[in-house]
Amino acid sequence: MKISVVVPVYNEEVSIEPFLDRTINVLNQITSEYEIIFSLDPSTDKTEEKLINLASRNQNIKIITLSRRFGQPAATIAGINYSSG
């Protein structure tokens, strides 16, 4: 069973790593088949850079960068459409 976690983000530079640490810990207890999809509204902080760095170290992390600010509902739908779990 593959689990997909869709996370819409905007200006979350500070909270990304603590969130990932907790989420990955829980997912690893359930299954090794998971993906975490960050659906990124273009941020004014370093959220995108941080996510790219984290994704380069973990193949289960995926990033969708939206072309402009669409808001949380559209970002969530984009992530769901991209998910495979």
PDB file of N, CA and C in Angstrom:
ATOM      1  N   MET A   1       0.843  -1.170   0.000  1.00  0.00           N
ATOM      2  CA  MET A   1       0.000   0.000   0.000  1.00  0.00           C
ATOM      3  C   MET A   1       0.894   1.240   0.000  1.00  0.00           C
ATOM      4  N   LYS A   2       0.652   2.144  -0.934  1.00  0.00           N
ATOM      5  CA  LYS A   2       1.398   3.396  -0.990  1.00  0.00           C
ATOM      6  C   LYS A   2       0.547   4.514  -0.419  1.00  0.00           C
ATOM      7  N   ILE A   3       1.168   5.310   0.427  1.00  0.00           N
ATOM      8  CA  ILE A   3       0.490   6.449   1.035  1.00  0.00           C
ATOM      9  C   ILE A   3       1.041   7.734   0.431  1.00  0.00           C
ATOM     10  N   SER A   4       0.147   8.604   0.028  1.00  0.00           N
ATOM     11  CA  SER A   4       0.531   9.926  -0.461  1.00  0.00           C
ATOM     12  C   SER A   4       0.068  10.971   0.545  1.00  0.00           C
ATOM     13  N   VAL A   5       0.980  11.844   0.934  1.00  0.00           N
ATOM     14  CA  VAL A   5       0.658  12.950   1.821  1.00  0.00           C
ATOM     15  C   VAL A   5       0.834  14.226   1.008  1.00  0.00           C
ATOM     16  N   VAL A   6      -0.242  14.989   0.853  1.00  0.00           N
ATOM     17  CA  VAL A   6      -0.198  16.229   0.080  1.00  0.00           C
ATOM     18  C   VAL A   6      -0.152  17.395   1.066  1.00  0.00           C
ATOM     19  N   VAL A   7       0.860  18.265   0.870  1.00  0.00           N
ATOM     20  CA  VAL A   7       1.080  19.374   1.798  1.00  0.00           C
ATOM     21  C   VAL A   7       1.150  20.683   1.016  1.00  0.00           C
ATOM     22  N   PRO A   8       0.078  21.486   1.025  1.00  0.00           N
ATOM     23  CA  PRO A   8       0.180  22.803   0.392  1.00  0.00           C
ATOM     24  C   PRO A   8       1.030  23.711   1.278  1.00  0.00           C
ATOM     25  N   VAL A   9       1.953  24.432   0.678  1.00  0.00           N
ATOM     26  CA  VAL A   9       2.841  25.289   1.470  1.00  0.00           C
ATOM     27  C   VAL A   9       2.987  26.672   0.856  1.00  0.00           C
ATOM     28  N   TYR A  10       3.159  27.639   1.754  1.00  0.00           N
ATOM     29  CA  TYR A  10       3.445  29.026   1.382  1.00  0.00           C
ATOM     30  C   TYR A  10       4.163  29.648   2.572  1.00  0.00           C
ATOM     31  N   ASN A  11       5.375  30.119   2.346  1.00  0.00           N
ATOM     32  CA  ASN A  11       6.185  30.746   3.400  1.00  0.00           C
ATOM     33  C   ASN A  11       6.280  29.866   4.658  1.00  0.00           C
ATOM     34  N   GLU A  12       6.762  28.657   4.475  1.00  0.00           N
ATOM     35  CA  GLU A  12       6.881  27.691   5.573  1.00  0.00           C
ATOM     36  C   GLU A  12       8.334  27.292   5.834  1.00  0.00           C
ATOM     37  N   GLU A  13       9.253  28.140   5.494  1.00  0.00           N
ATOM     38  CA  GLU A  13      10.680  27.862   5.610  1.00  0.00           C
ATOM     39  C   GLU A  13      11.063  27.310   6.990  1.00  0.00           C
ATOM     40  N   VAL A  14      10.513  27.864   8.036  1.00  0.00           N
ATOM     41  CA  VAL A  14      10.894  27.495   9.399  1.00  0.00           C
ATOM     42  C   VAL A  14      10.285  26.151   9.814  1.00  0.00           C
ATOM     43  N   SER A  15       9.102  25.841   9.336  1.00  0.00           N
ATOM     44  CA  SER A  15       8.392  24.664   9.837  1.00  0.00           C
ATOM     45  C   SER A  15       8.547  23.402   8.984  1.00  0.00           C
ATOM     46  N   ILE A  16       9.166  23.504   7.818  1.00  0.00           N
ATOM     47  CA  ILE A  16       9.272  22.355   6.916  1.00  0.00           C
ATOM     48  C   ILE A  16      10.031  21.189   7.552  1.00  0.00           C
ATOM     49  N   GLU A  17      11.218  21.433   8.076  1.00  0.00           N
ATOM     50  CA  GLU A  17      12.029  20.330   8.612  1.00  0.00           C
ATOM     51  C   GLU A  17      11.392  19.654   9.821  1.00  0.00           C
ATOM     52  N   PRO A  18      10.887  20.392  10.816  1.00  0.00           N
ATOM     53  CA  PRO A  18      10.222  19.701  11.928  1.00  0.00           C
ATOM     54  C   PRO A  18       9.012  18.884  11.461  1.00  0.00           C
ATOM     55  N   PHE A  19       8.251  19.432  10.516  1.00  0.00           N
ATOM     56  CA  PHE A  19       7.110  18.710   9.968  1.00  0.00           C
ATOM     57  C   PHE A  19       7.563  17.418   9.302  1.00  0.00           C
ATOM     58  N   LEU A  20       8.591  17.509   8.464  1.00  0.00           N
ATOM     59  CA  LEU A  20       9.087  16.319   7.766  1.00  0.00           C
ATOM     60  C   LEU A  20       9.627  15.279   8.735  1.00  0.00           C
ATOM     61  N   ASP A  21      10.370  15.686   9.725  1.00  0.00           N
ATOM     62  CA  ASP A  21      10.917  14.744  10.697  1.00  0.00           C
ATOM     63  C   ASP A  21       9.794  13.927  11.341  1.00  0.00           C
ATOM     64  N   ARG A  22       8.762  14.596  11.800  1.00  0.00           N
ATOM     65  CA  ARG A  22       7.651  13.902  12.457  1.00  0.00           C
ATOM     66  C   ARG A  22       6.871  13.037  11.462  1.00  0.00           C
ATOM     67  N   THR A  23       6.604  13.567  10.278  1.00  0.00           N
ATOM     68  CA  THR A  23       5.799  12.852   9.291  1.00  0.00           C
ATOM     69  C   THR A  23       6.522  11.607   8.788  1.00  0.00           C
ATOM     70  N   ILE A  24       7.794  11.738   8.457  1.00  0.00           N
ATOM     71  CA  ILE A  24       8.562  10.593   7.965  1.00  0.00           C
ATOM     72  C   ILE A  24       8.667   9.517   9.035  1.00  0.00           C
ATOM     73  N   ASN A  25       8.851   9.917  10.274  1.00  0.00           N
ATOM     74  CA  ASN A  25       8.919   8.957  11.370  1.00  0.00           C
ATOM     75  C   ASN A  25       7.629   8.137  11.450  1.00  0.00           C
ATOM     76  N   VAL A  26       6.488   8.783  11.364  1.00  0.00           N
ATOM     77  CA  VAL A  26       5.201   8.083  11.420  1.00  0.00           C
ATOM     78  C   VAL A  26       5.006   7.213  10.183  1.00  0.00           C
ATOM     79  N   LEU A  27       5.283   7.751   8.998  1.00  0.00           N
ATOM     80  CA  LEU A  27       5.094   6.981   7.769  1.00  0.00           C
ATOM     81  C   LEU A  27       5.975   5.731   7.741  1.00  0.00           C
ATOM     82  N   ASN A  28       7.209   5.842   8.205  1.00  0.00           N
ATOM     83  CA  ASN A  28       8.106   4.677   8.228  1.00  0.00           C
ATOM     84  C   ASN A  28       7.592   3.575   9.147  1.00  0.00           C
ATOM     85  N   GLN A  29       6.807   3.924  10.147  1.00  0.00           N
ATOM     86  CA  GLN A  29       6.210   2.914  11.025  1.00  0.00           C
ATOM     87  C   GLN A  29       5.044   2.197  10.346  1.00  0.00           C
ATOM     88  N   ILE A  30       4.470   2.839   9.330  1.00  0.00           N
ATOM     89  CA  ILE A  30       3.319   2.275   8.632  1.00  0.00           C
ATOM     90  C   ILE A  30       3.749   1.500   7.393  1.00  0.00           C
ATOM     91  N   THR A  31       4.592   2.128   6.577  1.00  0.00           N
ATOM     92  CA  THR A  31       5.001   1.533   5.305  1.00  0.00           C
ATOM     93  C   THR A  31       6.254   2.225   4.787  1.00  0.00           C
ATOM     94  N   SER A  32       6.985   1.548   3.930  1.00  0.00           N
ATOM     95  CA  SER A  32       8.117   2.192   3.261  1.00  0.00           C
ATOM     96  C   SER A  32       7.686   2.763   1.914  1.00  0.00           C
ATOM     97  N   GLU A  33       6.451   2.477   1.536  1.00  0.00           N
ATOM     98  CA  GLU A  33       5.891   2.949   0.269  1.00  0.00           C
ATOM     99  C   GLU A  33       5.078   4.217   0.514  1.00  0.00           C
ATOM    100  N   TYR A  34       5.737   5.350   0.448  1.00  0.00           N
ATOM    101  CA  TYR A  34       5.031   6.614   0.655  1.00  0.00           C
ATOM    102  C   TYR A  34       5.669   7.703  -0.197  1.00  0.00           C
ATOM    103  N   GLU A  35       4.905   8.768  -0.358  1.00  0.00           N
ATOM    104  CA  GLU A  35       5.414   9.975  -0.996  1.00  0.00           C
ATOM    105  C   GLU A  35       4.839  11.168  -0.248  1.00  0.00           C
ATOM    106  N   ILE A  36       5.651  12.187  -0.129  1.00  0.00           N
ATOM    107  CA  ILE A  36       5.203  13.446   0.463  1.00  0.00           C
ATOM    108  C   ILE A  36       5.294  14.486  -0.645  1.00  0.00           C
ATOM    109  N   ILE A  37       4.155  15.006  -1.027  1.00  0.00           N
ATOM    110  CA  ILE A  37       4.085  15.952  -2.139  1.00  0.00           C
ATOM    111  C   ILE A  37       3.840  17.346  -1.573  1.00  0.00           C
ATOM    112  N   PHE A  38       4.821  18.219  -1.766  1.00  0.00           N
ATOM    113  CA  PHE A  38       4.668  19.610  -1.367  1.00  0.00           C
ATOM    114  C   PHE A  38       4.171  20.393  -2.572  1.00  0.00           C
ATOM    115  N   SER A  39       3.023  20.999  -2.440  1.00  0.00           N
ATOM    116  CA  SER A  39       2.452  21.817  -3.489  1.00  0.00           C
ATOM    117  C   SER A  39       2.684  23.275  -3.091  1.00  0.00           C
ATOM    118  N   LEU A  40       3.630  23.889  -3.766  1.00  0.00           N
ATOM    119  CA  LEU A  40       4.181  25.178  -3.342  1.00  0.00           C
ATOM    120  C   LEU A  40       3.601  26.354  -4.116  1.00  0.00           C
ATOM    121  N   ASP A  41       2.868  27.197  -3.411  1.00  0.00           N
ATOM    122  CA  ASP A  41       2.545  28.516  -3.950  1.00  0.00           C
ATOM    123  C   ASP A  41       3.843  29.317  -3.852  1.00  0.00           C
ATOM    124  N   PRO A  42       4.241  30.043  -4.895  1.00  0.00           N
ATOM    125  CA  PRO A  42       5.506  30.781  -4.828  1.00  0.00           C
ATOM    126  C   PRO A  42       5.605  31.618  -3.552  1.00  0.00           C
ATOM    127  N   SER A  43       6.661  31.364  -2.788  1.00  0.00           N
ATOM    128  CA  SER A  43       6.845  31.990  -1.481  1.00  0.00           C
ATOM    129  C   SER A  43       7.819  33.153  -1.557  1.00  0.00           C
ATOM    130  N   THR A  44       7.729  34.007  -0.552  1.00  0.00           N
ATOM    131  CA  THR A  44       8.648  35.144  -0.482  1.00  0.00           C
ATOM    132  C   THR A  44       9.845  34.837   0.415  1.00  0.00           C
ATOM    133  N   ASP A  45       9.844  33.666   1.047  1.00  0.00           N
ATOM    134  CA  ASP A  45      10.986  33.262   1.863  1.00  0.00           C
ATOM    135  C   ASP A  45      11.761  32.157   1.131  1.00  0.00           C
ATOM    136  N   LYS A  46      12.532  31.379   1.834  1.00  0.00           N
ATOM    137  CA  LYS A  46      13.369  30.349   1.214  1.00  0.00           C
ATOM    138  C   LYS A  46      12.737  28.956   1.273  1.00  0.00           C
ATOM    139  N   THR A  47      11.419  28.893   1.286  1.00  0.00           N
ATOM    140  CA  THR A  47      10.722  27.611   1.341  1.00  0.00           C
ATOM    141  C   THR A  47      11.110  26.719   0.162  1.00  0.00           C
ATOM    142  N   GLU A  48      11.098  27.258  -1.044  1.00  0.00           N
ATOM    143  CA  GLU A  48      11.402  26.449  -2.222  1.00  0.00           C
ATOM    144  C   GLU A  48      12.824  25.909  -2.171  1.00  0.00           C
ATOM    145  N   GLU A  49      13.789  26.743  -1.820  1.00  0.00           N
ATOM    146  CA  GLU A  49      15.181  26.291  -1.733  1.00  0.00           C
ATOM    147  C   GLU A  49      15.331  25.173  -0.706  1.00  0.00           C
ATOM    148  N   LYS A  50      14.690  25.336   0.427  1.00  0.00           N
ATOM    149  CA  LYS A  50      14.772  24.331   1.484  1.00  0.00           C
ATOM    150  C   LYS A  50      14.154  23.014   1.008  1.00  0.00           C
ATOM    151  N   LEU A  51      13.003  23.090   0.327  1.00  0.00           N
ATOM    152  CA  LEU A  51      12.359  21.882  -0.172  1.00  0.00           C
ATOM    153  C   LEU A  51      13.212  21.170  -1.222  1.00  0.00           C
ATOM    154  N   ILE A  52      13.832  21.925  -2.105  1.00  0.00           N
ATOM    155  CA  ILE A  52      14.698  21.318  -3.127  1.00  0.00           C
ATOM    156  C   ILE A  52      15.853  20.588  -2.462  1.00  0.00           C
ATOM    157  N   ASN A  53      16.438  21.195  -1.456  1.00  0.00           N
ATOM    158  CA  ASN A  53      17.528  20.564  -0.717  1.00  0.00           C
ATOM    159  C   ASN A  53      17.056  19.271  -0.052  1.00  0.00           C
ATOM    160  N   LEU A  54      15.913  19.315   0.609  1.00  0.00           N
ATOM    161  CA  LEU A  54      15.387  18.139   1.287  1.00  0.00           C
ATOM    162  C   LEU A  54      15.021  17.039   0.295  1.00  0.00           C
ATOM    163  N   ALA A  55      14.437  17.406  -0.828  1.00  0.00           N
ATOM    164  CA  ALA A  55      14.051  16.420  -1.840  1.00  0.00           C
ATOM    165  C   ALA A  55      15.274  15.752  -2.469  1.00  0.00           C
ATOM    166  N   SER A  56      16.382  16.471  -2.535  1.00  0.00           N
ATOM    167  CA  SER A  56      17.596  15.872  -3.099  1.00  0.00           C
ATOM    168  C   SER A  56      18.152  14.781  -2.187  1.00  0.00           C
ATOM    169  N   ARG A  57      17.765  14.792  -0.913  1.00  0.00           N
ATOM    170  CA  ARG A  57      18.242  13.790   0.048  1.00  0.00           C
ATOM    171  C   ARG A  57      17.229  12.683   0.306  1.00  0.00           C
ATOM    172  N   ASN A  58      15.998  12.842  -0.176  1.00  0.00           N
ATOM    173  CA  ASN A  58      14.961  11.847   0.079  1.00  0.00           C
ATOM    174  C   ASN A  58      14.090  11.719  -1.169  1.00  0.00           C
ATOM    175  N   GLN A  59      14.170  10.574  -1.821  1.00  0.00           N
ATOM    176  CA  GLN A  59      13.445  10.369  -3.076  1.00  0.00           C
ATOM    177  C   GLN A  59      11.929  10.298  -2.899  1.00  0.00           C
ATOM    178  N   ASN A  60      11.457  10.196  -1.664  1.00  0.00           N
ATOM    179  CA  ASN A  60      10.019  10.149  -1.405  1.00  0.00           C
ATOM    180  C   ASN A  60       9.389  11.535  -1.329  1.00  0.00           C
ATOM    181  N   ILE A  61      10.212  12.574  -1.376  1.00  0.00           N
ATOM    182  CA  ILE A  61       9.716  13.950  -1.331  1.00  0.00           C
ATOM    183  C   ILE A  61       9.602  14.485  -2.756  1.00  0.00           C
ATOM    184  N   LYS A  62       8.419  14.965  -3.086  1.00  0.00           N
ATOM    185  CA  LYS A  62       8.167  15.537  -4.409  1.00  0.00           C
ATOM    186  C   LYS A  62       7.717  16.982  -4.233  1.00  0.00           C
ATOM    187  N   ILE A  63       7.982  17.795  -5.244  1.00  0.00           N
ATOM    188  CA  ILE A  63       7.624  19.215  -5.176  1.00  0.00           C
ATOM    189  C   ILE A  63       6.872  19.605  -6.440  1.00  0.00           C
ATOM    190  N   ILE A  64       5.765  20.266  -6.253  1.00  0.00           N
ATOM    191  CA  ILE A  64       5.051  20.925  -7.356  1.00  0.00           C
ATOM    192  C   ILE A  64       5.139  22.409  -7.063  1.00  0.00           C
ATOM    193  N   THR A  65       5.670  23.183  -7.993  1.00  0.00           N
ATOM    194  CA  THR A  65       5.726  24.630  -7.821  1.00  0.00           C
ATOM    195  C   THR A  65       4.705  25.258  -8.761  1.00  0.00           C
ATOM    196  N   LEU A  66       3.729  25.913  -8.183  1.00  0.00           N
ATOM    197  CA  LEU A  66       2.695  26.545  -8.990  1.00  0.00           C
ATOM    198  C   LEU A  66       3.233  27.820  -9.639  1.00  0.00           C
ATOM    199  N   SER A  67       2.664  28.201 -10.770  1.00  0.00           N
ATOM    200  CA  SER A  67       3.175  29.332 -11.537  1.00  0.00           C
ATOM    201  C   SER A  67       2.905  30.682 -10.865  1.00  0.00           C
ATOM    202  N   ARG A  68       1.884  30.713 -10.009  1.00  0.00           N
ATOM    203  CA  ARG A  68       1.559  31.929  -9.261  1.00  0.00           C
ATOM    204  C   ARG A  68       0.786  31.502  -8.029  1.00  0.00           C
ATOM    205  N   ARG A  69       0.442  32.449  -7.177  1.00  0.00           N
ATOM    206  CA  ARG A  69      -0.322  32.124  -5.967  1.00  0.00           C
ATOM    207  C   ARG A  69      -1.756  31.759  -6.345  1.00  0.00           C
ATOM    208  N   PHE A  70      -2.088  30.509  -6.152  1.00  0.00           N
ATOM    209  CA  PHE A  70      -3.448  30.042  -6.407  1.00  0.00           C
ATOM    210  C   PHE A  70      -4.225  29.829  -5.111  1.00  0.00           C
ATOM    211  N   GLY A  71      -3.519  29.712  -3.992  1.00  0.00           N
ATOM    212  CA  GLY A  71      -4.176  29.489  -2.712  1.00  0.00           C
ATOM    213  C   GLY A  71      -4.203  28.025  -2.320  1.00  0.00           C
ATOM    214  N   GLN A  72      -4.551  27.788  -1.072  1.00  0.00           N
ATOM    215  CA  GLN A  72      -4.506  26.459  -0.484  1.00  0.00           C
ATOM    216  C   GLN A  72      -5.405  25.432  -1.188  1.00  0.00           C
ATOM    217  N   PRO A  73      -6.661  25.740  -1.512  1.00  0.00           N
ATOM    218  CA  PRO A  73      -7.491  24.713  -2.156  1.00  0.00           C
ATOM    219  C   PRO A  73      -6.928  24.247  -3.500  1.00  0.00           C
ATOM    220  N   ALA A  74      -6.505  25.178  -4.342  1.00  0.00           N
ATOM    221  CA  ALA A  74      -5.954  24.803  -5.647  1.00  0.00           C
ATOM    222  C   ALA A  74      -4.637  24.050  -5.494  1.00  0.00           C
ATOM    223  N   ALA A  75      -3.816  24.458  -4.537  1.00  0.00           N
ATOM    224  CA  ALA A  75      -2.546  23.769  -4.297  1.00  0.00           C
ATOM    225  C   ALA A  75      -2.797  22.339  -3.836  1.00  0.00           C
ATOM    226  N   THR A  76      -3.794  22.141  -2.994  1.00  0.00           N
ATOM    227  CA  THR A  76      -4.134  20.798  -2.521  1.00  0.00           C
ATOM    228  C   THR A  76      -4.617  19.926  -3.671  1.00  0.00           C
ATOM    229  N   ILE A  77      -5.491  20.454  -4.508  1.00  0.00           N
ATOM    230  CA  ILE A  77      -6.003  19.690  -5.653  1.00  0.00           C
ATOM    231  C   ILE A  77      -4.870  19.329  -6.601  1.00  0.00           C
ATOM    232  N   ALA A  78      -3.945  20.256  -6.850  1.00  0.00           N
ATOM    233  CA  ALA A  78      -2.804  19.960  -7.723  1.00  0.00           C
ATOM    234  C   ALA A  78      -1.983  18.806  -7.156  1.00  0.00           C
ATOM    235  N   GLY A  79      -1.772  18.804  -5.854  1.00  0.00           N
ATOM    236  CA  GLY A  79      -1.029  17.717  -5.223  1.00  0.00           C
ATOM    237  C   GLY A  79      -1.755  16.392  -5.309  1.00  0.00           C
ATOM    238  N   ILE A  80      -3.055  16.401  -5.106  1.00  0.00           N
ATOM    239  CA  ILE A  80      -3.841  15.167  -5.210  1.00  0.00           C
ATOM    240  C   ILE A  80      -3.787  14.622  -6.626  1.00  0.00           C
ATOM    241  N   ASN A  81      -3.903  15.500  -7.612  1.00  0.00           N
ATOM    242  CA  ASN A  81      -3.833  15.072  -9.006  1.00  0.00           C
ATOM    243  C   ASN A  81      -2.486  14.470  -9.366  1.00  0.00           C
ATOM    244  N   TYR A  82      -1.438  14.906  -8.703  1.00  0.00           N
ATOM    245  CA  TYR A  82      -0.073  14.436  -8.962  1.00  0.00           C
ATOM    246  C   TYR A  82       0.259  13.155  -8.198  1.00  0.00           C
ATOM    247  N   SER A  83      -0.501  12.848  -7.171  1.00  0.00           N
ATOM    248  CA  SER A  83      -0.181  11.735  -6.281  1.00  0.00           C
ATOM    249  C   SER A  83      -0.392  10.379  -6.971  1.00  0.00           C
ATOM    250  N   SER A  84       0.318   9.379  -6.448  1.00  0.00           N
ATOM    251  CA  SER A  84       0.195   8.030  -6.998  1.00  0.00           C
ATOM    252  C   SER A  84      -0.219   7.023  -5.935  1.00  0.00           C
ATOM    253  N   GLY A  85      -0.467   7.486  -4.721  1.00  0.00           N
ATOM    254  CA  GLY A  85      -0.847   6.566  -3.648  1.00  0.00           C
ATOM    255  C   GLY A  85      -2.317   6.665  -3.312  1.00  0.00           C
TER     256      GLY A  85
END
